[in-house]
């Protein structure tokens, strides 16, 4: 995802408490956003199986 899309996802997640559905285009995994880190430039994701992971924005796409 582009930087502007990442900023939008992070704002929705952090400011509006909205969990955004994401898919990792590299691994095929899906999950819901629950946070973002500015320092590491990653999106924290809760996977469908309940595990937690951090993805780089370049590996993410928003799904419905």
PDB file of N, CA and C in Angstrom:
ATOM      1  N   UNK A   1       0.850  -1.174   0.000  1.00  0.00           N
ATOM      2  CA  UNK A   1       0.000   0.000   0.000  1.00  0.00           C
ATOM      3  C   UNK A   1       0.887   1.224   0.000  1.00  0.00           C
ATOM      4  N   UNK A   2       0.379   2.273  -0.582  1.00  0.00           N
ATOM      5  CA  UNK A   2       1.110   3.532  -0.650  1.00  0.00           C
ATOM      6  C   UNK A   2       1.138   4.198   0.725  1.00  0.00           C
ATOM      7  N   UNK A   3       2.062   5.130   0.892  1.00  0.00           N
ATOM      8  CA  UNK A   3       2.200   5.816   2.184  1.00  0.00           C
ATOM      9  C   UNK A   3       0.903   6.521   2.589  1.00  0.00           C
ATOM     10  N   UNK A   4       0.240   7.160   1.637  1.00  0.00           N
ATOM     11  CA  UNK A   4      -1.006   7.867   1.958  1.00  0.00           C
ATOM     12  C   UNK A   4      -2.095   6.894   2.427  1.00  0.00           C
ATOM     13  N   UNK A   5      -2.143   5.703   1.834  1.00  0.00           N
ATOM     14  CA  UNK A   5      -3.110   4.687   2.265  1.00  0.00           C
ATOM     15  C   UNK A   5      -2.779   4.193   3.667  1.00  0.00           C
ATOM     16  N   UNK A   6      -1.489   4.039   3.943  1.00  0.00           N
ATOM     17  CA  UNK A   6      -1.055   3.603   5.270  1.00  0.00           C
ATOM     18  C   UNK A   6      -1.443   4.631   6.325  1.00  0.00           C
ATOM     19  N   UNK A   7      -1.236   5.905   6.015  1.00  0.00           N
ATOM     20  CA  UNK A   7      -1.596   6.972   6.950  1.00  0.00           C
ATOM     21  C   UNK A   7      -3.098   6.917   7.238  1.00  0.00           C
ATOM     22  N   UNK A   8      -3.901   6.709   6.209  1.00  0.00           N
ATOM     23  CA  UNK A   8      -5.354   6.619   6.379  1.00  0.00           C
ATOM     24  C   UNK A   8      -5.732   5.438   7.261  1.00  0.00           C
ATOM     25  N   UNK A   9      -5.133   4.273   7.014  1.00  0.00           N
ATOM     26  CA  UNK A   9      -5.411   3.086   7.834  1.00  0.00           C
ATOM     27  C   UNK A   9      -5.025   3.353   9.285  1.00  0.00           C
ATOM     28  N   UNK A  10      -3.857   3.950   9.499  1.00  0.00           N
ATOM     29  CA  UNK A  10      -3.398   4.227  10.866  1.00  0.00           C
ATOM     30  C   UNK A  10      -4.294   5.244  11.566  1.00  0.00           C
ATOM     31  N   UNK A  11      -4.741   6.262  10.845  1.00  0.00           N
ATOM     32  CA  UNK A  11      -5.637   7.239  11.455  1.00  0.00           C
ATOM     33  C   UNK A  11      -6.974   6.591  11.823  1.00  0.00           C
ATOM     34  N   UNK A  12      -7.506   5.771  10.948  1.00  0.00           N
ATOM     35  CA  UNK A  12      -8.769   5.091  11.255  1.00  0.00           C
ATOM     36  C   UNK A  12      -8.608   4.160  12.449  1.00  0.00           C
ATOM     37  N   UNK A  13      -7.464   3.476  12.522  1.00  0.00           N
ATOM     38  CA  UNK A  13      -7.211   2.528  13.599  1.00  0.00           C
ATOM     39  C   UNK A  13      -6.984   3.232  14.923  1.00  0.00           C
ATOM     40  N   UNK A  14      -6.120   4.233  14.924  1.00  0.00           N
ATOM     41  CA  UNK A  14      -5.696   4.865  16.171  1.00  0.00           C
ATOM     42  C   UNK A  14      -6.647   5.957  16.659  1.00  0.00           C
ATOM     43  N   UNK A  15      -7.217   6.716  15.753  1.00  0.00           N
ATOM     44  CA  UNK A  15      -8.056   7.842  16.172  1.00  0.00           C
ATOM     45  C   UNK A  15      -9.535   7.500  16.243  1.00  0.00           C
ATOM     46  N   UNK A  16      -9.970   6.581  15.405  1.00  0.00           N
ATOM     47  CA  UNK A  16     -11.394   6.244  15.365  1.00  0.00           C
ATOM     48  C   UNK A  16     -11.682   4.870  15.966  1.00  0.00           C
ATOM     49  N   UNK A  17     -10.645   4.190  16.467  1.00  0.00           N
ATOM     50  CA  UNK A  17     -10.782   2.839  17.020  1.00  0.00           C
ATOM     51  C   UNK A  17     -11.465   1.888  16.043  1.00  0.00           C
ATOM     52  N   UNK A  18     -11.157   2.062  14.762  1.00  0.00           N
ATOM     53  CA  UNK A  18     -11.711   1.204  13.723  1.00  0.00           C
ATOM     54  C   UNK A  18     -10.679   0.141  13.374  1.00  0.00           C
ATOM     55  N   UNK A  19     -11.093  -1.115  13.344  1.00  0.00           N
ATOM     56  CA  UNK A  19     -10.194  -2.205  12.968  1.00  0.00           C
ATOM     57  C   UNK A  19     -10.351  -2.442  11.474  1.00  0.00           C
ATOM     58  N   UNK A  20      -9.289  -2.188  10.737  1.00  0.00           N
ATOM     59  CA  UNK A  20      -9.313  -2.271   9.279  1.00  0.00           C
ATOM     60  C   UNK A  20      -8.887  -3.669   8.835  1.00  0.00           C
ATOM     61  N   UNK A  21      -9.652  -4.266   7.914  1.00  0.00           N
ATOM     62  CA  UNK A  21      -9.311  -5.582   7.377  1.00  0.00           C
ATOM     63  C   UNK A  21      -8.167  -5.430   6.390  1.00  0.00           C
ATOM     64  N   UNK A  22      -7.094  -6.202   6.629  1.00  0.00           N
ATOM     65  CA  UNK A  22      -5.913  -6.148   5.781  1.00  0.00           C
ATOM     66  C   UNK A  22      -5.516  -7.543   5.322  1.00  0.00           C
ATOM     67  N   UNK A  23      -4.807  -7.584   4.195  1.00  0.00           N
ATOM     68  CA  UNK A  23      -4.227  -8.826   3.706  1.00  0.00           C
ATOM     69  C   UNK A  23      -2.768  -8.553   3.384  1.00  0.00           C
ATOM     70  N   UNK A  24      -1.917  -9.497   3.776  1.00  0.00           N
ATOM     71  CA  UNK A  24      -0.498  -9.401   3.478  1.00  0.00           C
ATOM     72  C   UNK A  24      -0.292  -9.999   2.086  1.00  0.00           C
ATOM     73  N   UNK A  25       0.075  -9.172   1.109  1.00  0.00           N
ATOM     74  CA  UNK A  25       0.212  -9.640  -0.266  1.00  0.00           C
ATOM     75  C   UNK A  25       1.410 -10.575  -0.440  1.00  0.00           C
ATOM     76  N   UNK A  26       2.364 -10.520   0.455  1.00  0.00           N
ATOM     77  CA  UNK A  26       3.534 -11.387   0.381  1.00  0.00           C
ATOM     78  C   UNK A  26       3.241 -12.781   0.917  1.00  0.00           C
ATOM     79  N   UNK A  27       2.515 -12.859   2.048  1.00  0.00           N
ATOM     80  CA  UNK A  27       2.268 -14.154   2.692  1.00  0.00           C
ATOM     81  C   UNK A  27       0.859 -14.689   2.467  1.00  0.00           C
ATOM     82  N   UNK A  28      -0.082 -13.816   2.082  1.00  0.00           N
ATOM     83  CA  UNK A  28      -1.469 -14.235   1.895  1.00  0.00           C
ATOM     84  C   UNK A  28      -2.288 -14.230   3.168  1.00  0.00           C
ATOM     85  N   UNK A  29      -1.666 -13.915   4.320  1.00  0.00           N
ATOM     86  CA  UNK A  29      -2.391 -13.896   5.593  1.00  0.00           C
ATOM     87  C   UNK A  29      -3.342 -12.705   5.647  1.00  0.00           C
ATOM     88  N   UNK A  30      -4.421 -12.864   6.424  1.00  0.00           N
ATOM     89  CA  UNK A  30      -5.395 -11.791   6.621  1.00  0.00           C
ATOM     90  C   UNK A  30      -5.530 -11.499   8.097  1.00  0.00           C
ATOM     91  N   UNK A  31      -5.944 -10.262   8.402  1.00  0.00           N
ATOM     92  CA  UNK A  31      -6.141  -9.890   9.791  1.00  0.00           C
ATOM     93  C   UNK A  31      -6.737  -8.504   9.917  1.00  0.00           C
ATOM     94  N   UNK A  32      -6.841  -8.062  11.172  1.00  0.00           N
ATOM     95  CA  UNK A  32      -7.413  -6.755  11.494  1.00  0.00           C
ATOM     96  C   UNK A  32      -6.356  -5.880  12.152  1.00  0.00           C
ATOM     97  N   UNK A  33      -6.280  -4.628  11.718  1.00  0.00           N
ATOM     98  CA  UNK A  33      -5.318  -3.705  12.311  1.00  0.00           C
ATOM     99  C   UNK A  33      -5.716  -3.400  13.758  1.00  0.00           C
ATOM    100  N   UNK A  34      -4.703  -3.195  14.598  1.00  0.00           N
ATOM    101  CA  UNK A  34      -4.986  -2.757  15.967  1.00  0.00           C
ATOM    102  C   UNK A  34      -4.016  -1.688  16.434  1.00  0.00           C
ATOM    103  N   UNK A  35      -3.075  -1.293  15.572  1.00  0.00           N
ATOM    104  CA  UNK A  35      -2.137  -0.245  15.945  1.00  0.00           C
ATOM    105  C   UNK A  35      -1.130  -0.004  14.847  1.00  0.00           C
ATOM    106  N   UNK A  36      -0.354   1.057  15.017  1.00  0.00           N
ATOM    107  CA  UNK A  36       0.696   1.410  14.062  1.00  0.00           C
ATOM    108  C   UNK A  36       1.894   1.935  14.840  1.00  0.00           C
ATOM    109  N   UNK A  37       3.083   1.698  14.305  1.00  0.00           N
ATOM    110  CA  UNK A  37       4.269   2.272  14.930  1.00  0.00           C
ATOM    111  C   UNK A  37       4.929   3.204  13.935  1.00  0.00           C
ATOM    112  N   UNK A  38       5.166   4.419  14.375  1.00  0.00           N
ATOM    113  CA  UNK A  38       5.848   5.406  13.549  1.00  0.00           C
ATOM    114  C   UNK A  38       7.325   5.027  13.423  1.00  0.00           C
ATOM    115  N   UNK A  39       7.926   4.631  14.546  1.00  0.00           N
ATOM    116  CA  UNK A  39       9.347   4.322  14.569  1.00  0.00           C
ATOM    117  C   UNK A  39       9.697   3.190  13.612  1.00  0.00           C
ATOM    118  N   UNK A  40       8.968   2.097  13.721  1.00  0.00           N
ATOM    119  CA  UNK A  40       9.247   0.934  12.891  1.00  0.00           C
ATOM    120  C   UNK A  40       8.527   0.956  11.566  1.00  0.00           C
ATOM    121  N   UNK A  41       7.660   1.933  11.382  1.00  0.00           N
ATOM    122  CA  UNK A  41       6.857   2.069  10.179  1.00  0.00           C
ATOM    123  C   UNK A  41       6.162   0.756   9.832  1.00  0.00           C
ATOM    124  N   UNK A  42       5.449   0.218  10.824  1.00  0.00           N
ATOM    125  CA  UNK A  42       4.710  -1.024  10.630  1.00  0.00           C
ATOM    126  C   UNK A  42       3.271  -0.869  11.101  1.00  0.00           C
ATOM    127  N   UNK A  43       2.433  -1.787  10.637  1.00  0.00           N
ATOM    128  CA  UNK A  43       1.055  -1.867  11.079  1.00  0.00           C
ATOM    129  C   UNK A  43       0.923  -3.144  11.894  1.00  0.00           C
ATOM    130  N   UNK A  44       0.393  -3.021  13.123  1.00  0.00           N
ATOM    131  CA  UNK A  44       0.178  -4.193  13.960  1.00  0.00           C
ATOM    132  C   UNK A  44      -1.149  -4.824  13.556  1.00  0.00           C
ATOM    133  N   UNK A  45      -1.106  -6.150  13.398  1.00  0.00           N
ATOM    134  CA  UNK A  45      -2.260  -6.875  12.878  1.00  0.00           C
ATOM    135  C   UNK A  45      -2.559  -8.067  13.761  1.00  0.00           C
ATOM    136  N   UNK A  46      -3.859  -8.264  14.046  1.00  0.00           N
ATOM    137  CA  UNK A  46      -4.312  -9.488  14.708  1.00  0.00           C
ATOM    138  C   UNK A  46      -4.761 -10.427  13.603  1.00  0.00           C
ATOM    139  N   UNK A  47      -4.057 -11.555  13.476  1.00  0.00           N
ATOM    140  CA  UNK A  47      -4.358 -12.517  12.424  1.00  0.00           C
ATOM    141  C   UNK A  47      -5.660 -13.253  12.715  1.00  0.00           C
ATOM    142  N   UNK A  48      -6.188 -13.917  11.702  1.00  0.00           N
ATOM    143  CA  UNK A  48      -7.456 -14.642  11.845  1.00  0.00           C
ATOM    144  C   UNK A  48      -7.387 -15.716  12.930  1.00  0.00           C
ATOM    145  N   UNK A  49      -6.195 -16.283  13.168  1.00  0.00           N
ATOM    146  CA  UNK A  49      -6.047 -17.326  14.189  1.00  0.00           C
ATOM    147  C   UNK A  49      -5.795 -16.759  15.585  1.00  0.00           C
ATOM    148  N   UNK A  50      -5.803 -15.419  15.717  1.00  0.00           N
ATOM    149  CA  UNK A  50      -5.624 -14.773  17.011  1.00  0.00           C
ATOM    150  C   UNK A  50      -4.199 -14.342  17.309  1.00  0.00           C
ATOM    151  N   UNK A  51      -3.223 -14.797  16.500  1.00  0.00           N
ATOM    152  CA  UNK A  51      -1.837 -14.383  16.695  1.00  0.00           C
ATOM    153  C   UNK A  51      -1.673 -12.915  16.318  1.00  0.00           C
ATOM    154  N   UNK A  52      -0.630 -12.293  16.854  1.00  0.00           N
ATOM    155  CA  UNK A  52      -0.321 -10.895  16.550  1.00  0.00           C
ATOM    156  C   UNK A  52       0.917 -10.830  15.676  1.00  0.00           C
ATOM    157  N   UNK A  53       0.951  -9.867  14.768  1.00  0.00           N
ATOM    158  CA  UNK A  53       2.083  -9.714  13.865  1.00  0.00           C
ATOM    159  C   UNK A  53       2.226  -8.240  13.505  1.00  0.00           C
ATOM    160  N   UNK A  54       3.375  -7.872  12.942  1.00  0.00           N
ATOM    161  CA  UNK A  54       3.623  -6.523  12.427  1.00  0.00           C
ATOM    162  C   UNK A  54       3.967  -6.650  10.955  1.00  0.00           C
ATOM    163  N   UNK A  55       3.297  -5.847  10.142  1.00  0.00           N
ATOM    164  CA  UNK A  55       3.526  -5.881   8.708  1.00  0.00           C
ATOM    165  C   UNK A  55       4.022  -4.540   8.218  1.00  0.00           C
ATOM    166  N   UNK A  56       4.874  -4.577   7.220  1.00  0.00           N
ATOM    167  CA  UNK A  56       5.308  -3.356   6.560  1.00  0.00           C
ATOM    168  C   UNK A  56       4.181  -2.904   5.634  1.00  0.00           C
ATOM    169  N   UNK A  57       3.947  -1.604   5.543  1.00  0.00           N
ATOM    170  CA  UNK A  57       2.870  -1.110   4.682  1.00  0.00           C
ATOM    171  C   UNK A  57       2.968  -1.592   3.239  1.00  0.00           C
ATOM    172  N   UNK A  58       4.175  -1.759   2.720  1.00  0.00           N
ATOM    173  CA  UNK A  58       4.353  -2.206   1.334  1.00  0.00           C
ATOM    174  C   UNK A  58       3.784  -3.608   1.115  1.00  0.00           C
ATOM    175  N   UNK A  59       3.667  -4.395   2.203  1.00  0.00           N
ATOM    176  CA  UNK A  59       3.153  -5.756   2.102  1.00  0.00           C
ATOM    177  C   UNK A  59       1.641  -5.832   2.306  1.00  0.00           C
ATOM    178  N   UNK A  60       0.993  -4.706   2.595  1.00  0.00           N
ATOM    179  CA  UNK A  60      -0.436  -4.703   2.971  1.00  0.00           C
ATOM    180  C   UNK A  60      -1.337  -4.194   1.862  1.00  0.00           C
ATOM    181  N   UNK A  61      -2.556  -4.721   1.893  1.00  0.00           N
ATOM    182  CA  UNK A  61      -3.621  -4.133   1.103  1.00  0.00           C
ATOM    183  C   UNK A  61      -4.895  -4.234   1.932  1.00  0.00           C
ATOM    184  N   UNK A  62      -5.746  -3.211   1.810  1.00  0.00           N
ATOM    185  CA  UNK A  62      -7.010  -3.217   2.538  1.00  0.00           C
ATOM    186  C   UNK A  62      -7.995  -4.102   1.788  1.00  0.00           C
ATOM    187  N   UNK A  63      -8.746  -4.898   2.537  1.00  0.00           N
ATOM    188  CA  UNK A  63      -9.764  -5.766   1.956  1.00  0.00           C
ATOM    189  C   UNK A  63     -11.106  -5.449   2.577  1.00  0.00           C
ATOM    190  N   UNK A  64     -12.153  -6.034   2.033  1.00  0.00           N
ATOM    191  CA  UNK A  64     -13.498  -5.821   2.567  1.00  0.00           C
ATOM    192  C   UNK A  64     -13.976  -7.019   3.324  1.00  0.00           C
TER     193      UNK A  64
END
